[in-house]
């Protein structure tokens, strides 16, 4: 016997995964997580028995409900799964999957179309972050076809605009969790010689550890395949991640997907900064939405590791072009008129698409469904 669960399979930005109404899933966390693991087919490298795409970017889940928070239309809970692990992590945000929240909510009748465009405020329950999302709704329905293009996704689509309202310290205690713009750290572990490097630990929507690629003996222009095959580098990055996370107040992150490790280098395609991002052990084909916001923020901070590496435009509302392995990601920042190192807003453009709608089946032994479970 199997249990059928209503499900919309959505692409959000450069990620994709199943979206559910919270009311269609188990109410207790342990059972819900078992259901999500069964839905995605984890743990299994190929996720052959589920909807997962054998990669962290395609092992994501969105859970949406009408919000009870005044002034907020929707609650969004993001879940990060891993192909080869039995973990369901709901502590980090995902700005890419966030782009699919309002289209999904309109499709499911949670939000009414307002006109040619529809805007709704969304609360990301993972970190209590709020944002305003706007989608095109000409003709009384979500428009998925359009001229907007984002790197990492083929073709064009209708734009999804996301305006973040307050992202500093999304998971950490503040924007700069170590209290410093730049930290020098010596990393020691079995399997390699100790090394020392400068890092910037920052959280403006996603906890990141940024450092110069040259400080770990790399150019920062390597391909994703090269970096994923670089076992020596990955050992060093994991040792650094486990050590610096303690200084960031994050505790033991061995079972967490953050902080994300980000190699930086001077831009070479007309952007502001070149990046290679690990999530946390696999090199990202692009860069996450909130990771890009956080990188852009680091670029405006004097004495950060980006200072002297990034090529920044002038003005109080700079657009930071973050280069990544498959293109670039532009983030429009607003800076405080009294303090040019304080970011007051971050806006960006994504696209989304409904790929499939129907029911996903999970074994009844995992969850017999709400009627039988009651």
Protein backbone atom coordinates (compact mmCIF):
# COMPACT_ATOMS: atom_id res chain seq x y z
CA UNK A 1 0.00 0.00 0.00
CA UNK A 2 1.08 3.57 -0.72
CA UNK A 3 -0.04 7.02 0.40
CA UNK A 4 -0.77 9.67 -2.25
CA UNK A 5 0.25 13.24 -1.35
CA UNK A 6 -0.69 16.27 -3.53
CA UNK A 7 2.49 17.72 -4.93
CA UNK A 8 3.61 20.42 -7.38
CA UNK A 9 7.09 19.99 -8.79
CA UNK A 10 8.58 23.48 -9.20
CA UNK A 11 11.77 25.01 -10.48
CA UNK A 12 12.81 28.01 -8.44
CA UNK A 13 15.82 29.87 -9.81
CA UNK A 14 18.60 27.33 -10.34
CA UNK A 15 17.08 24.77 -7.97
CA UNK A 16 14.03 22.52 -8.14
CA UNK A 17 11.98 20.19 -6.04
CA UNK A 18 8.51 19.24 -4.84
CA UNK A 19 6.26 21.81 -3.15
CA UNK A 20 3.58 20.86 -0.65
CA UNK A 21 0.86 22.56 1.32
CA UNK A 22 1.75 22.18 4.98
CA UNK A 23 -1.74 20.78 5.56
CA UNK A 24 -0.98 17.87 3.22
CA UNK A 25 2.00 16.68 5.26
CA UNK A 26 2.28 15.09 8.72
CA UNK A 27 2.12 17.56 11.57
CA UNK A 28 4.88 15.99 13.66
CA UNK A 29 8.42 16.71 12.50
CA UNK A 30 9.81 13.18 12.73
CA UNK A 31 7.09 11.67 10.52
CA UNK A 32 7.25 14.61 8.11
CA UNK A 33 10.98 14.13 7.69
CA UNK A 34 10.56 10.41 6.99
CA UNK A 35 7.97 11.30 4.35
CA UNK A 36 10.31 13.83 2.70
CA UNK A 37 13.16 11.32 2.65
CA UNK A 38 10.85 8.81 0.96
CA UNK A 39 9.62 11.44 -1.51
CA UNK A 40 13.17 12.32 -2.56
CA UNK A 41 14.60 8.80 -2.44
CA UNK A 42 17.29 9.56 0.13
CA UNK A 43 19.65 8.24 1.23
CA UNK A 44 20.85 6.97 -2.14
CA UNK A 45 23.47 8.50 -4.40
CA UNK A 46 21.18 8.32 -7.44
CA UNK A 47 17.93 8.84 -5.47
CA UNK A 48 16.57 6.26 -7.89
CA UNK A 49 13.47 5.53 -5.79
CA UNK A 50 12.27 9.12 -5.50
CA UNK A 51 12.06 12.58 -7.04
CA UNK A 52 15.55 13.74 -6.09
CA UNK A 53 17.98 14.63 -8.85
CA UNK A 54 21.16 13.15 -7.33
CA UNK A 55 22.52 16.60 -6.46
CA UNK A 56 22.01 18.99 -3.51
CA UNK A 57 20.48 21.60 -5.86
CA UNK A 58 17.77 19.11 -6.83
CA UNK A 59 17.28 17.63 -3.36
CA UNK A 60 15.16 20.48 -2.03
CA UNK A 61 11.59 20.72 -0.76
CA UNK A 62 9.21 23.65 -0.26
CA UNK A 63 6.36 23.65 2.28
CA UNK A 64 3.85 26.53 2.10
CA UNK A 65 0.91 27.68 4.19
CA UNK A 66 -1.20 30.76 4.80
CA UNK A 67 0.55 32.91 7.39
CA UNK A 68 -0.87 33.87 10.77
CA UNK A 69 1.68 36.69 11.09
CA UNK A 70 0.10 40.16 10.69
CA UNK A 71 1.02 41.76 7.37
CA UNK A 72 2.39 38.49 5.94
CA UNK A 73 0.54 36.45 3.33
CA UNK A 74 2.50 33.21 3.26
CA UNK A 75 4.76 31.08 5.43
CA UNK A 76 7.49 29.12 3.66
CA UNK A 77 9.51 26.32 5.19
CA UNK A 78 12.48 25.16 3.14
CA UNK A 79 13.98 21.70 3.60
CA UNK A 80 17.42 20.73 2.30
CA UNK A 81 18.02 17.04 1.77
CA UNK A 82 21.16 15.31 0.54
CA UNK A 83 21.30 12.39 -1.90
CA UNK A 84 23.45 10.13 0.28
CA UNK A 85 22.29 11.23 3.74
CA UNK A 86 19.17 10.64 5.80
CA UNK A 87 19.07 14.26 7.02
CA UNK A 88 16.35 16.87 6.54
CA UNK A 89 17.77 20.29 7.34
CA UNK A 90 15.27 23.12 7.90
CA UNK A 91 17.71 25.58 9.47
CA UNK A 92 19.07 27.37 6.35
CA UNK A 93 17.24 29.52 3.81
CA UNK A 94 17.10 28.97 0.06
CA UNK A 95 16.53 32.03 -2.07
CA UNK A 96 16.20 30.03 -5.27
CA UNK A 97 13.34 27.87 -4.02
CA UNK A 98 11.86 31.04 -2.54
CA UNK A 99 11.23 32.24 -6.10
CA UNK A 100 8.68 29.44 -6.60
CA UNK A 101 6.68 30.11 -3.42
CA UNK A 102 4.27 32.72 -4.77
CA UNK A 103 3.65 30.92 -8.10
CA UNK A 104 2.87 27.75 -6.13
CA UNK A 105 0.60 29.62 -3.72
CA UNK A 106 -1.37 31.19 -6.57
CA UNK A 107 -1.67 27.83 -8.33
CA UNK A 108 -3.02 26.28 -5.11
CA UNK A 109 -5.43 29.14 -4.37
CA UNK A 110 -3.69 30.54 -1.30
CA UNK A 111 -3.19 33.97 -2.91
CA UNK A 112 -5.57 35.76 -5.28
CA UNK A 113 -4.29 37.36 -8.48
CA UNK A 114 -4.12 41.16 -8.10
CA UNK A 115 -3.76 42.26 -11.74
CA UNK A 116 -0.96 42.18 -14.29
CA UNK A 117 1.41 41.58 -11.38
CA UNK A 118 0.82 40.06 -7.95
CA UNK A 119 2.91 40.81 -4.87
CA UNK A 120 2.85 38.99 -1.56
CA UNK A 121 4.91 39.15 1.61
CA UNK A 122 6.49 35.85 2.55
CA UNK A 123 7.91 34.76 5.89
CA UNK A 124 10.65 32.16 5.63
CA UNK A 125 10.09 30.13 8.77
CA UNK A 126 13.61 28.71 8.73
CA UNK A 127 15.08 32.01 9.94
CA UNK A 128 12.06 34.36 10.31
CA UNK A 129 13.24 36.34 7.29
CA UNK A 130 10.62 38.34 5.38
CA UNK A 131 10.57 39.40 1.74
CA UNK A 132 8.19 40.78 -0.87
CA UNK A 133 7.84 38.63 -3.99
CA UNK A 134 6.30 39.87 -7.24
CA UNK A 135 5.26 37.66 -10.16
CA UNK A 136 3.62 38.36 -13.52
CA UNK A 137 -0.07 37.40 -13.56
CA UNK A 138 -1.48 38.85 -16.78
CA UNK A 139 -4.67 37.10 -17.83
CA UNK A 140 -5.54 36.13 -14.26
CA UNK A 141 -2.93 33.41 -13.89
CA UNK A 142 0.78 32.96 -13.23
CA UNK A 143 2.82 33.75 -16.34
CA UNK A 144 5.82 31.47 -16.70
CA UNK A 145 6.82 32.61 -20.19
CA UNK A 146 8.81 35.82 -20.56
CA UNK A 147 12.07 37.47 -21.53
CA UNK A 148 13.96 37.29 -18.23
CA UNK A 149 17.16 35.26 -18.33
CA UNK A 150 19.21 33.96 -15.41
CA UNK A 151 22.49 32.13 -15.73
CA UNK A 152 22.27 28.46 -14.86
CA UNK A 153 18.82 28.02 -16.44
CA UNK A 154 18.34 27.53 -20.19
CA UNK A 155 16.11 29.87 -22.17
CA UNK A 156 14.02 32.72 -20.80
CA UNK A 157 11.01 33.02 -18.50
CA UNK A 158 8.80 35.53 -16.73
CA UNK A 159 10.64 37.52 -14.03
CA UNK A 160 10.19 36.90 -10.32
CA UNK A 161 11.34 39.87 -8.24
CA UNK A 162 12.42 39.34 -4.65
CA UNK A 163 12.97 42.24 -2.26
CA UNK A 164 14.52 41.09 1.01
CA UNK A 165 13.49 43.12 4.04
CA UNK A 166 15.91 42.03 6.78
CA UNK A 167 18.51 39.36 6.13
CA UNK A 168 21.41 40.23 8.46
CA UNK A 169 22.12 37.44 10.92
CA UNK A 170 19.71 34.96 9.36
CA UNK A 171 21.22 32.02 11.26
CA UNK A 172 24.17 33.55 13.06
CA UNK A 173 23.87 36.09 15.86
CA UNK A 174 24.55 38.99 13.47
CA UNK A 175 25.95 40.09 10.15
CA UNK A 176 29.53 39.48 11.31
CA UNK A 177 29.23 36.51 13.69
CA UNK A 178 32.86 36.58 14.85
CA UNK A 179 32.63 40.30 15.57
CA UNK A 180 35.33 40.98 12.97
CA UNK A 181 35.26 41.86 9.30
CA UNK A 182 38.35 39.74 8.77
CA UNK A 183 39.77 36.86 10.83
CA UNK A 184 43.07 35.07 10.51
CA UNK A 185 42.84 31.37 11.27
CA UNK A 186 45.27 28.48 11.30
CA UNK A 187 43.73 25.18 10.25
CA UNK A 188 45.26 21.91 11.38
CA UNK A 189 43.99 18.38 10.80
CA UNK A 190 45.20 14.91 9.94
CA UNK A 191 46.04 14.38 6.30
CA UNK A 192 47.60 17.75 5.44
CA UNK A 193 50.01 20.36 6.74
CA UNK A 194 48.56 23.17 8.81
CA UNK A 195 47.82 26.33 6.84
CA UNK A 196 46.92 29.89 7.75
CA UNK A 197 44.59 32.21 5.85
CA UNK A 198 42.37 35.25 6.20
CA UNK A 199 38.61 34.76 6.07
CA UNK A 200 35.48 36.89 6.27
CA UNK A 201 32.64 35.21 8.13
CA UNK A 202 29.37 36.86 7.21
CA UNK A 203 25.64 36.14 7.25
CA UNK A 204 23.34 38.41 5.26
CA UNK A 205 20.81 35.71 4.46
CA UNK A 206 23.23 32.77 4.32
CA UNK A 207 26.24 32.06 6.57
CA UNK A 208 29.37 32.12 4.41
CA UNK A 209 33.09 31.84 4.92
CA UNK A 210 34.85 33.78 2.19
CA UNK A 211 38.57 33.53 1.42
CA UNK A 212 40.91 34.09 -1.50
CA UNK A 213 41.28 31.05 -3.73
CA UNK A 214 45.00 31.79 -3.91
CA UNK A 215 45.27 31.27 -0.14
CA UNK A 216 44.38 27.59 -0.64
CA UNK A 217 46.58 27.20 -3.70
CA UNK A 218 43.84 27.53 -6.31
CA UNK A 219 43.02 30.14 -8.96
CA UNK A 220 39.29 30.46 -8.29
CA UNK A 221 38.61 29.86 -11.99
CA UNK A 222 38.61 26.06 -11.85
CA UNK A 223 35.64 24.20 -13.29
CA UNK A 224 33.02 22.57 -11.08
CA UNK A 225 34.27 19.13 -12.14
CA UNK A 226 37.85 20.01 -11.23
CA UNK A 227 36.89 21.25 -7.79
CA UNK A 228 34.60 18.31 -7.06
CA UNK A 229 37.47 15.96 -7.92
CA UNK A 230 39.91 17.89 -5.73
CA UNK A 231 39.82 15.72 -2.62
CA UNK A 232 42.74 17.52 -0.99
CA UNK A 233 40.96 20.88 -1.27
CA UNK A 234 37.70 19.45 0.04
CA UNK A 235 39.46 17.99 3.09
CA UNK A 236 40.99 21.38 3.81
CA UNK A 237 37.69 23.20 3.34
CA UNK A 238 35.84 20.83 5.65
CA UNK A 239 38.48 21.18 8.35
CA UNK A 240 38.24 24.97 8.00
CA UNK A 241 34.44 24.83 8.08
CA UNK A 242 34.28 22.73 11.24
CA UNK A 243 36.83 24.92 12.99
CA UNK A 244 35.57 28.38 12.00
CA UNK A 245 31.93 27.48 12.71
CA UNK A 246 32.77 27.36 16.40
CA UNK A 247 34.07 30.91 16.24
CA UNK A 248 30.90 31.89 14.35
CA UNK A 249 28.77 30.59 17.23
CA UNK A 250 27.28 27.82 15.09
CA UNK A 251 28.61 24.92 17.15
CA UNK A 252 29.11 21.53 15.54
CA UNK A 253 28.06 21.82 11.89
CA UNK A 254 29.19 18.38 10.78
CA UNK A 255 25.55 17.50 10.01
CA UNK A 256 24.60 20.96 8.73
CA UNK A 257 24.66 22.44 5.23
CA UNK A 258 26.20 25.71 6.43
CA UNK A 259 28.35 27.70 6.61
CA UNK A 260 29.02 27.54 2.89
CA UNK A 261 32.63 27.84 1.83
CA UNK A 262 33.27 30.40 -0.89
CA UNK A 263 36.49 30.85 -2.83
CA UNK A 264 36.92 34.32 -4.33
CA UNK A 265 39.12 35.70 -7.11
CA UNK A 266 39.25 38.89 -9.21
CA UNK A 267 36.48 39.05 -11.82
CA UNK A 268 37.39 38.00 -15.32
CA UNK A 269 34.07 38.36 -17.20
CA UNK A 270 33.21 41.99 -16.49
CA UNK A 271 31.59 41.33 -13.10
CA UNK A 272 32.46 42.47 -9.59
CA UNK A 273 33.93 39.26 -8.14
CA UNK A 274 34.51 35.66 -9.20
CA UNK A 275 33.28 32.92 -6.86
CA UNK A 276 33.31 29.18 -6.37
CA UNK A 277 30.85 28.08 -3.67
CA UNK A 278 30.56 24.74 -1.85
CA UNK A 279 27.21 23.58 -0.39
CA UNK A 280 28.94 22.47 1.77
CA UNK A 281 30.96 19.65 0.20
CA UNK A 282 29.83 19.88 -3.43
CA UNK A 283 30.86 22.77 -5.65
CA UNK A 284 27.78 24.76 -6.73
CA UNK A 285 27.24 24.99 -10.50
CA UNK A 286 26.13 28.59 -9.89
CA UNK A 287 25.61 30.39 -6.57
CA UNK A 288 22.64 30.51 -4.24
CA UNK A 289 20.43 33.59 -4.10
CA UNK A 290 21.15 34.45 -0.48
CA UNK A 291 24.77 33.45 -0.87
CA UNK A 292 25.00 36.03 -3.67
CA UNK A 293 23.38 38.65 -1.41
CA UNK A 294 25.90 37.82 1.31
CA UNK A 295 28.85 37.96 -1.10
CA UNK A 296 27.63 41.30 -2.41
CA UNK A 297 27.44 42.60 1.15
CA UNK A 298 30.99 41.46 1.87
CA UNK A 299 32.11 43.39 -1.19
CA UNK A 300 31.04 46.72 0.35
CA UNK A 301 32.75 46.07 3.70
CA UNK A 302 36.13 47.73 4.05
CA UNK A 303 38.94 45.36 5.10
CA UNK A 304 36.94 42.23 4.18
CA UNK A 305 38.76 39.62 2.12
CA UNK A 306 36.90 41.02 -0.89
CA UNK A 307 38.47 44.44 -0.38
CA UNK A 308 41.07 44.91 -3.12
CA UNK A 309 39.78 41.88 -5.03
CA UNK A 310 36.27 42.98 -6.00
CA UNK A 311 35.68 45.61 -8.67
CA UNK A 312 32.83 47.68 -7.27
CA UNK A 313 30.61 50.33 -8.88
CA UNK A 314 30.18 53.64 -7.11
CA UNK A 315 26.99 55.09 -5.66
CA UNK A 316 24.57 54.38 -2.83
CA UNK A 317 22.71 51.67 -4.77
CA UNK A 318 25.41 49.55 -6.40
CA UNK A 319 24.61 46.45 -8.41
CA UNK A 320 27.12 43.74 -7.56
CA UNK A 321 27.71 41.20 -10.32
CA UNK A 322 28.80 37.93 -8.70
CA UNK A 323 30.50 35.66 -11.24
CA UNK A 324 30.06 31.91 -10.80
CA UNK A 325 30.88 28.78 -12.86
CA UNK A 326 27.89 29.11 -15.21
CA UNK A 327 27.58 32.89 -15.50
CA UNK A 328 26.81 35.74 -13.11
CA UNK A 329 24.26 36.79 -10.52
CA UNK A 330 23.42 40.48 -10.07
CA UNK A 331 22.32 41.80 -6.69
CA UNK A 332 21.05 45.39 -6.29
CA UNK A 333 22.07 46.71 -2.89
CA UNK A 334 20.90 49.79 -1.02
CA UNK A 335 23.46 51.42 1.29
CA UNK A 336 22.77 53.56 4.33
CA UNK A 337 23.34 57.24 3.49
CA UNK A 338 25.10 57.71 6.83
CA UNK A 339 27.11 54.49 6.75
CA UNK A 340 28.22 53.18 3.34
CA UNK A 341 29.14 49.84 4.94
CA UNK A 342 25.59 49.16 6.09
CA UNK A 343 23.32 47.40 3.58
CA UNK A 344 19.69 48.47 3.96
CA UNK A 345 18.11 46.42 1.18
CA UNK A 346 18.85 43.70 -1.34
CA UNK A 347 16.80 43.05 -4.45
CA UNK A 348 17.25 40.49 -7.18
CA UNK A 349 15.58 38.80 -10.10
CA UNK A 350 14.86 35.09 -10.46
CA UNK A 351 12.55 32.97 -12.59
CA UNK A 352 10.38 29.97 -11.74
CA UNK A 353 8.30 27.36 -13.50
CA UNK A 354 5.69 24.76 -12.65
CA UNK A 355 7.14 21.52 -14.03
CA UNK A 356 4.60 18.93 -12.87
CA UNK A 357 1.51 18.67 -10.69
CA UNK A 358 -0.16 15.60 -9.28
CA UNK A 359 0.51 13.22 -6.41
CA UNK A 360 3.71 11.75 -5.10
CA UNK A 361 3.52 8.27 -3.62
CA UNK A 362 5.21 7.15 -0.41
CA UNK A 363 4.99 3.73 1.23
CA UNK A 364 2.11 3.50 3.71
CA UNK A 365 4.61 2.06 6.19
CA UNK A 366 6.31 5.48 6.18
CA UNK A 367 3.02 7.35 6.63
CA UNK A 368 -0.47 5.87 6.25
CA UNK A 369 -1.95 9.31 5.54
CA UNK A 370 -3.90 11.79 7.68
CA UNK A 371 -7.09 9.71 7.95
CA UNK A 372 -5.42 6.49 9.00
CA UNK A 373 -2.83 8.31 11.14
CA UNK A 374 -5.64 9.95 13.12
